[in-house]
């Protein structure tokens, strides 16, 4: 049985890279080490051993990449040039956030690639104009818009409804980065904040009490997503068999934890408890090159990498929880509910019938 719809090599659309800063005045070119070249459209950088903020760049807001957002703070976008998005990597300037000579870093990279502009009144798609970049094959789109202050709908560019949506207000601070996930208990109204540890909150002001459709997602009147004249960006992800999955599970509190089926060997995983406060735990296959996976970063804070407890095994077709801790960055507290989003290193079985191997 094939577990992919043609996405036999996820490295065409997603890659993880670790590197050491060089503190060079001329910056540093980082070449991805996957088997395929990939020019990214969305890059997310975090220093692993120093407490620098997460920095997020994309190709839609600025080209060349200039303005960054932070997942761990509610500031407006800042103008600090990343350098460039290259044919198989990125070039960094000399900046402490991503090229300090004493720092080690990880960079997570997604490809979208096809630009679109939507005049909603002309196309009849949505009610708020949008500009973006999309890969429908990989189920990822980057969408920008200007808020109207009135509830409306925005074209996302995908052919299927997004499973997760992450939004940032670009032009003013004090608005939280918001997170929609299909597996919260009431996803049309519930919201999480990527920069906070809060449990889910029920508020129709964010998604206007409406689920995303195959053409648009909805925004209400909350200032975090739709304040009049303010500018916004959303990162939308739609599930693709063998490549990306969003789901949920219930913790059992055991180091012999539950197994979560994905249909692929994961390269990247982010987990958040939804019924109580917790950190957003981020794991990948390059910082931990063998099981157990325990090198954790957290989207909601600037802390350096933490490896004081295990999280899970990355398997050929999913992940198995190994965390029996009960602190704020645990991933398996007994009876607690969690959501996750995961991207593939390789599909469990390719379209030509080739199986992947376990770690």
Protein backbone atom coordinates (compact mmCIF):
# COMPACT_ATOMS: atom_id res chain seq x y z
CA UNK A 1 0.00 0.00 0.00
CA UNK A 2 1.35 3.45 -0.91
CA UNK A 3 1.27 6.10 1.80
CA UNK A 4 2.01 9.01 -0.54
CA UNK A 5 0.21 10.79 -3.35
CA UNK A 6 3.37 11.49 -5.32
CA UNK A 7 5.24 13.16 -2.43
CA UNK A 8 7.90 10.47 -2.49
CA UNK A 9 10.67 12.85 -1.43
CA UNK A 10 9.54 15.34 1.24
CA UNK A 11 12.91 17.10 0.99
CA UNK A 12 11.59 18.86 -2.10
CA UNK A 13 9.27 20.83 0.21
CA UNK A 14 10.65 20.65 3.76
CA UNK A 15 14.18 20.39 5.18
CA UNK A 16 15.85 20.78 8.55
CA UNK A 17 19.42 22.06 8.84
CA UNK A 18 21.73 22.58 11.81
CA UNK A 19 24.76 24.86 11.58
CA UNK A 20 27.26 26.84 13.62
CA UNK A 21 27.42 30.63 13.45
CA UNK A 22 30.65 32.15 12.17
CA UNK A 23 30.22 35.80 13.21
CA UNK A 24 31.61 36.85 9.85
CA UNK A 25 31.05 40.41 8.71
CA UNK A 26 30.24 39.05 5.28
CA UNK A 27 27.63 36.64 6.63
CA UNK A 28 27.38 32.93 5.92
CA UNK A 29 25.82 30.81 3.17
CA UNK A 30 24.01 27.74 4.50
CA UNK A 31 23.50 24.88 2.04
CA UNK A 32 20.84 22.30 2.82
CA UNK A 33 22.11 18.73 2.99
CA UNK A 34 19.07 16.87 1.65
CA UNK A 35 19.14 14.76 -1.48
CA UNK A 36 17.19 17.41 -3.41
CA UNK A 37 17.73 21.13 -3.94
CA UNK A 38 15.06 23.30 -2.34
CA UNK A 39 14.68 27.08 -2.39
CA UNK A 40 12.67 27.95 0.73
CA UNK A 41 9.79 30.39 1.02
CA UNK A 42 9.39 30.12 4.81
CA UNK A 43 12.33 29.81 7.21
CA UNK A 44 12.23 29.55 11.00
CA UNK A 45 15.56 29.96 12.86
CA UNK A 46 16.41 29.27 16.51
CA UNK A 47 19.68 29.43 18.40
CA UNK A 48 20.09 26.21 20.34
CA UNK A 49 22.58 27.16 23.07
CA UNK A 50 21.90 30.86 23.69
CA UNK A 51 18.59 32.47 24.65
CA UNK A 52 17.84 34.29 21.38
CA UNK A 53 14.29 34.62 20.10
CA UNK A 54 12.88 32.53 17.28
CA UNK A 55 13.05 34.45 13.98
CA UNK A 56 10.66 33.75 11.09
CA UNK A 57 11.07 35.01 7.52
CA UNK A 58 9.07 34.37 4.36
CA UNK A 59 9.28 35.29 0.69
CA UNK A 60 5.85 36.97 0.50
CA UNK A 61 6.28 39.77 3.03
CA UNK A 62 9.66 40.91 1.67
CA UNK A 63 12.01 39.97 -1.12
CA UNK A 64 14.87 39.79 -0.48
CA UNK A 65 14.11 38.64 3.06
CA UNK A 66 14.20 41.62 5.40
CA UNK A 67 11.45 41.52 7.98
CA UNK A 68 11.27 38.89 10.70
CA UNK A 69 8.59 37.86 13.14
CA UNK A 70 9.02 36.20 16.53
CA UNK A 71 7.00 33.20 17.66
CA UNK A 72 7.90 33.87 21.31
CA UNK A 73 6.86 37.53 21.47
CA UNK A 74 3.96 39.73 20.36
CA UNK A 75 5.97 42.42 18.60
CA UNK A 76 5.42 43.81 15.13
CA UNK A 77 7.75 42.57 12.40
CA UNK A 78 11.28 43.94 12.61
CA UNK A 79 13.54 44.95 9.74
CA UNK A 80 16.75 42.93 10.03
CA UNK A 81 17.91 41.42 6.76
CA UNK A 82 18.31 37.66 6.73
CA UNK A 83 20.26 37.85 3.50
CA UNK A 84 18.69 35.75 0.76
CA UNK A 85 16.67 32.66 -0.03
CA UNK A 86 18.99 30.62 -2.27
CA UNK A 87 18.45 27.78 -4.75
CA UNK A 88 19.40 25.23 -2.09
CA UNK A 89 19.66 27.09 1.19
CA UNK A 90 19.87 30.57 2.66
CA UNK A 91 22.52 33.24 3.13
CA UNK A 92 22.66 34.86 6.56
CA UNK A 93 23.97 38.28 7.45
CA UNK A 94 26.07 38.75 10.56
CA UNK A 95 23.37 38.92 13.21
CA UNK A 96 23.28 37.46 16.72
CA UNK A 97 19.86 35.94 16.08
CA UNK A 98 21.15 33.57 13.41
CA UNK A 99 24.94 33.89 12.94
CA UNK A 100 26.66 34.49 16.29
CA UNK A 101 30.14 32.98 16.22
CA UNK A 102 29.60 31.14 19.51
CA UNK A 103 26.11 29.89 18.67
CA UNK A 104 24.73 26.66 17.27
CA UNK A 105 21.48 26.89 15.35
CA UNK A 106 18.66 24.97 13.73
CA UNK A 107 16.68 26.21 10.76
CA UNK A 108 13.35 24.71 9.61
CA UNK A 109 12.48 25.39 5.97
CA UNK A 110 9.33 25.07 3.84
CA UNK A 111 8.81 25.60 0.12
CA UNK A 112 5.64 27.15 -1.33
CA UNK A 113 6.68 28.78 -4.58
CA UNK A 114 3.68 29.70 -6.75
CA UNK A 115 2.63 33.33 -6.27
CA UNK A 116 -0.97 34.46 -6.30
CA UNK A 117 -2.92 37.70 -5.90
CA UNK A 118 -6.62 37.65 -5.12
CA UNK A 119 -8.88 40.64 -5.69
CA UNK A 120 -11.85 39.29 -3.77
CA UNK A 121 -14.42 41.57 -5.41
CA UNK A 122 -13.29 40.46 -8.88
CA UNK A 123 -12.82 36.74 -8.31
CA UNK A 124 -15.67 36.18 -5.86
CA UNK A 125 -13.28 34.17 -3.67
CA UNK A 126 -13.40 35.54 -0.15
CA UNK A 127 -14.26 39.06 0.95
CA UNK A 128 -10.78 40.37 1.87
CA UNK A 129 -8.03 40.77 -0.75
CA UNK A 130 -4.95 38.59 -0.27
CA UNK A 131 -1.48 38.01 -1.72
CA UNK A 132 0.45 34.80 -1.24
CA UNK A 133 2.62 31.90 -2.29
CA UNK A 134 1.39 28.32 -2.40
CA UNK A 135 2.37 24.74 -3.11
CA UNK A 136 -0.82 22.75 -3.39
CA UNK A 137 1.25 19.58 -3.83
CA UNK A 138 2.76 20.03 -0.38
CA UNK A 139 -0.33 21.68 1.13
CA UNK A 140 1.39 24.87 2.29
CA UNK A 141 0.55 28.50 1.64
CA UNK A 142 1.76 31.88 2.89
CA UNK A 143 -0.98 34.53 2.81
CA UNK A 144 -0.91 38.27 3.56
CA UNK A 145 -3.84 40.68 3.94
CA UNK A 146 -4.86 44.01 5.41
CA UNK A 147 -7.44 43.98 8.17
CA UNK A 148 -10.88 45.49 7.65
CA UNK A 149 -12.31 45.41 11.17
CA UNK A 150 -15.31 43.45 9.88
CA UNK A 151 -15.62 39.67 9.82
CA UNK A 152 -14.62 38.25 6.46
CA UNK A 153 -13.03 35.45 4.47
CA UNK A 154 -9.56 35.18 2.90
CA UNK A 155 -8.34 33.03 0.00
CA UNK A 156 -5.63 30.61 1.13
CA UNK A 157 -4.69 29.24 -2.30
CA UNK A 158 -4.99 25.54 -1.45
CA UNK A 159 -7.43 23.02 -2.93
CA UNK A 160 -8.23 21.51 0.48
CA UNK A 161 -9.12 23.08 3.81
CA UNK A 162 -6.12 23.89 6.02
CA UNK A 163 -5.68 21.69 9.09
CA UNK A 164 -3.59 24.29 10.87
CA UNK A 165 -3.26 28.06 10.45
CA UNK A 166 -0.69 30.27 12.20
CA UNK A 167 -1.27 34.03 12.02
CA UNK A 168 0.84 37.04 12.96
CA UNK A 169 0.02 40.73 13.05
CA UNK A 170 2.86 42.39 11.13
CA UNK A 171 2.31 46.09 11.64
CA UNK A 172 1.70 46.56 15.33
CA UNK A 173 2.68 44.85 18.56
CA UNK A 174 0.67 43.53 21.50
CA UNK A 175 -1.29 41.11 19.31
CA UNK A 176 -0.66 37.43 19.89
CA UNK A 177 0.33 34.98 17.17
CA UNK A 178 -2.75 32.77 16.82
CA UNK A 179 -3.04 29.09 16.04
CA UNK A 180 -5.98 27.20 14.54
CA UNK A 181 -5.91 23.39 14.71
CA UNK A 182 -8.57 21.04 13.36
CA UNK A 183 -8.36 18.75 16.42
CA UNK A 184 -9.24 21.13 19.21
CA UNK A 185 -12.63 20.34 20.67
CA UNK A 186 -14.36 23.18 18.79
CA UNK A 187 -11.91 24.30 16.08
CA UNK A 188 -14.27 26.85 14.55
CA UNK A 189 -14.13 28.95 17.74
CA UNK A 190 -11.15 27.78 19.79
CA UNK A 191 -7.81 29.53 19.55
CA UNK A 192 -4.31 28.89 20.86
CA UNK A 193 -1.45 31.39 21.04
CA UNK A 194 1.93 30.34 19.69
CA UNK A 195 3.74 32.76 22.00
CA UNK A 196 1.87 31.71 25.17
CA UNK A 197 1.37 28.55 27.23
CA UNK A 198 -2.41 29.01 27.58
CA UNK A 199 -4.90 26.21 27.11
CA UNK A 200 -7.42 26.59 24.30
CA UNK A 201 -9.81 29.54 24.58
CA UNK A 202 -13.27 29.74 23.01
CA UNK A 203 -13.64 33.06 21.20
CA UNK A 204 -15.51 33.59 17.91
CA UNK A 205 -13.61 36.84 17.36
CA UNK A 206 -10.77 34.94 15.75
CA UNK A 207 -12.28 32.46 13.25
CA UNK A 208 -15.81 33.94 13.17
CA UNK A 209 -17.28 30.63 14.37
CA UNK A 210 -16.50 29.16 10.93
CA UNK A 211 -14.20 26.34 9.81
CA UNK A 212 -11.83 26.83 6.86
CA UNK A 213 -13.15 25.64 3.50
CA UNK A 214 -11.38 24.37 0.40
CA UNK A 215 -10.95 27.96 -0.80
CA UNK A 216 -10.98 30.38 2.17
CA UNK A 217 -10.45 30.73 5.90
CA UNK A 218 -12.52 33.07 8.06
CA UNK A 219 -11.47 35.84 10.40
CA UNK A 220 -13.61 37.64 12.94
CA UNK A 221 -13.07 41.06 14.45
CA UNK A 222 -10.33 40.36 16.99
CA UNK A 223 -7.38 42.71 16.57
CA UNK A 224 -4.94 39.79 16.41
CA UNK A 225 -6.32 38.75 13.02
CA UNK A 226 -8.37 41.60 11.55
CA UNK A 227 -7.88 45.08 13.00
CA UNK A 228 -8.74 47.75 10.46
CA UNK A 229 -5.73 48.91 8.38
CA UNK A 230 -3.26 46.58 10.12
CA UNK A 231 -1.30 44.02 8.07
CA UNK A 232 -1.18 40.26 8.71
CA UNK A 233 0.37 37.02 7.50
CA UNK A 234 -0.88 33.46 7.83
CA UNK A 235 0.95 30.18 7.33
CA UNK A 236 -1.59 27.56 6.24
CA UNK A 237 -0.97 23.81 6.19
CA UNK A 238 -3.28 21.19 4.74
CA UNK A 239 -2.73 17.47 5.34
CA UNK A 240 -0.96 15.52 2.63
CA UNK A 241 -0.63 11.75 2.90
CA UNK A 242 2.95 10.71 3.48
CA UNK A 243 4.14 14.29 4.10
CA UNK A 244 2.14 16.32 6.66
CA UNK A 245 -0.33 15.36 9.35
CA UNK A 246 -2.12 17.25 12.12
CA UNK A 247 -3.79 15.26 14.87
CA UNK A 248 -4.34 14.71 18.57
CA UNK A 249 -3.71 12.12 21.26
CA UNK A 250 -4.29 11.50 24.98
CA UNK A 251 -1.31 11.06 27.28
CA UNK A 252 -0.88 7.97 29.47
CA UNK A 253 1.92 9.19 31.77
CA UNK A 254 4.21 6.23 31.00
CA UNK A 255 7.72 6.01 29.54
CA UNK A 256 6.15 3.20 27.47
CA UNK A 257 3.73 5.70 26.00
CA UNK A 258 1.17 5.58 23.24
CA UNK A 259 2.08 5.13 19.59
CA UNK A 260 0.78 7.82 17.20
CA UNK A 261 0.40 6.78 13.56
CA UNK A 262 1.43 9.31 10.90
CA UNK A 263 1.99 7.25 7.77
CA UNK A 264 5.55 8.56 7.51
CA UNK A 265 8.86 8.84 9.35
CA UNK A 266 8.78 12.30 10.94
CA UNK A 267 11.45 14.95 10.41
CA UNK A 268 9.77 17.62 12.57
CA UNK A 269 7.15 17.53 15.29
CA UNK A 270 5.45 20.20 17.39
CA UNK A 271 3.21 19.23 20.32
CA UNK A 272 0.94 21.33 22.57
CA UNK A 273 -1.25 20.33 25.49
CA UNK A 274 -4.71 21.87 25.02
CA UNK A 275 -6.58 21.23 28.28
CA UNK A 276 -4.12 23.13 30.48
CA UNK A 277 -1.10 25.40 30.28
CA UNK A 278 2.01 23.96 28.62
CA UNK A 279 4.90 24.87 26.37
CA UNK A 280 4.90 24.23 22.63
CA UNK A 281 7.47 21.43 22.30
CA UNK A 282 9.46 21.32 19.04
CA UNK A 283 11.53 18.28 17.99
CA UNK A 284 13.39 17.39 14.79
CA UNK A 285 15.56 14.70 13.23
CA UNK A 286 18.76 16.76 12.91
CA UNK A 287 19.26 17.93 16.48
CA UNK A 288 18.53 14.35 17.58
CA UNK A 289 20.04 12.15 14.90
CA UNK A 290 19.06 8.97 16.76
CA UNK A 291 16.35 7.98 19.25
CA UNK A 292 15.35 8.92 21.90
CA UNK A 293 14.19 12.39 20.82
CA UNK A 294 14.84 14.70 23.75
CA UNK A 295 16.33 17.97 22.46
CA UNK A 296 13.42 20.33 22.93
CA UNK A 297 12.88 23.89 21.82
CA UNK A 298 9.74 25.86 22.59
CA UNK A 299 7.98 28.25 20.20
CA UNK A 300 6.64 30.30 23.12
CA UNK A 301 9.99 31.24 24.66
CA UNK A 302 13.55 32.12 23.70
CA UNK A 303 15.19 29.54 25.97
CA UNK A 304 18.12 27.50 24.77
CA UNK A 305 17.66 23.85 23.91
CA UNK A 306 16.54 21.58 26.77
CA UNK A 307 17.38 17.88 26.94
CA UNK A 308 16.53 17.02 30.55
CA UNK A 309 13.84 14.50 29.68
CA UNK A 310 12.88 12.23 26.81
CA UNK A 311 9.93 13.02 24.54
CA UNK A 312 9.39 10.27 21.98
CA UNK A 313 10.85 7.91 19.40
CA UNK A 314 10.62 8.83 15.73
CA UNK A 315 9.56 5.63 13.94
CA UNK A 316 9.17 4.64 10.29
CA UNK A 317 5.42 5.40 10.33
CA UNK A 318 4.81 7.62 13.36
CA UNK A 319 6.12 8.39 16.84
CA UNK A 320 5.96 6.68 20.23
CA UNK A 321 5.80 8.73 23.41
CA UNK A 322 8.50 8.16 26.05
CA UNK A 323 7.79 11.04 28.42
CA UNK A 324 6.62 10.31 31.97
CA UNK A 325 7.28 13.79 33.38
CA UNK A 326 4.52 16.10 34.61
CA UNK A 327 6.06 19.55 34.11
CA UNK A 328 5.07 22.35 31.75
CA UNK A 329 7.04 20.91 28.81
CA UNK A 330 5.94 17.30 29.19
CA UNK A 331 4.29 15.61 26.19
CA UNK A 332 2.55 12.65 27.83
CA UNK A 333 0.79 13.59 31.08
CA UNK A 334 -1.79 10.95 31.93
CA UNK A 335 -5.30 11.82 30.76
CA UNK A 336 -4.24 15.10 29.15
CA UNK A 337 -5.11 16.01 25.58
CA UNK A 338 -2.50 17.12 23.05
CA UNK A 339 -2.49 18.35 19.49
CA UNK A 340 0.43 17.94 17.12
CA UNK A 341 1.63 18.82 13.63
CA UNK A 342 4.32 16.75 11.90
CA UNK A 343 6.28 16.89 8.65
CA UNK A 344 7.93 13.89 7.02
CA UNK A 345 11.49 12.79 6.52
CA UNK A 346 10.22 10.02 4.26
CA UNK A 347 6.85 8.35 3.58
CA UNK A 348 6.22 4.92 5.10
CA UNK A 349 5.84 3.51 1.58
CA UNK A 350 6.49 5.47 -1.61
CA UNK A 351 4.23 5.52 -4.65
CA UNK A 352 6.54 2.92 -6.22
CA UNK A 353 6.22 0.58 -3.22
CA UNK A 354 9.58 1.30 -1.56
CA UNK A 355 9.31 1.18 2.25
CA UNK A 356 11.19 3.49 4.57
CA UNK A 357 13.42 2.21 7.38
CA UNK A 358 13.12 2.92 11.09
CA UNK A 359 15.60 5.18 12.89
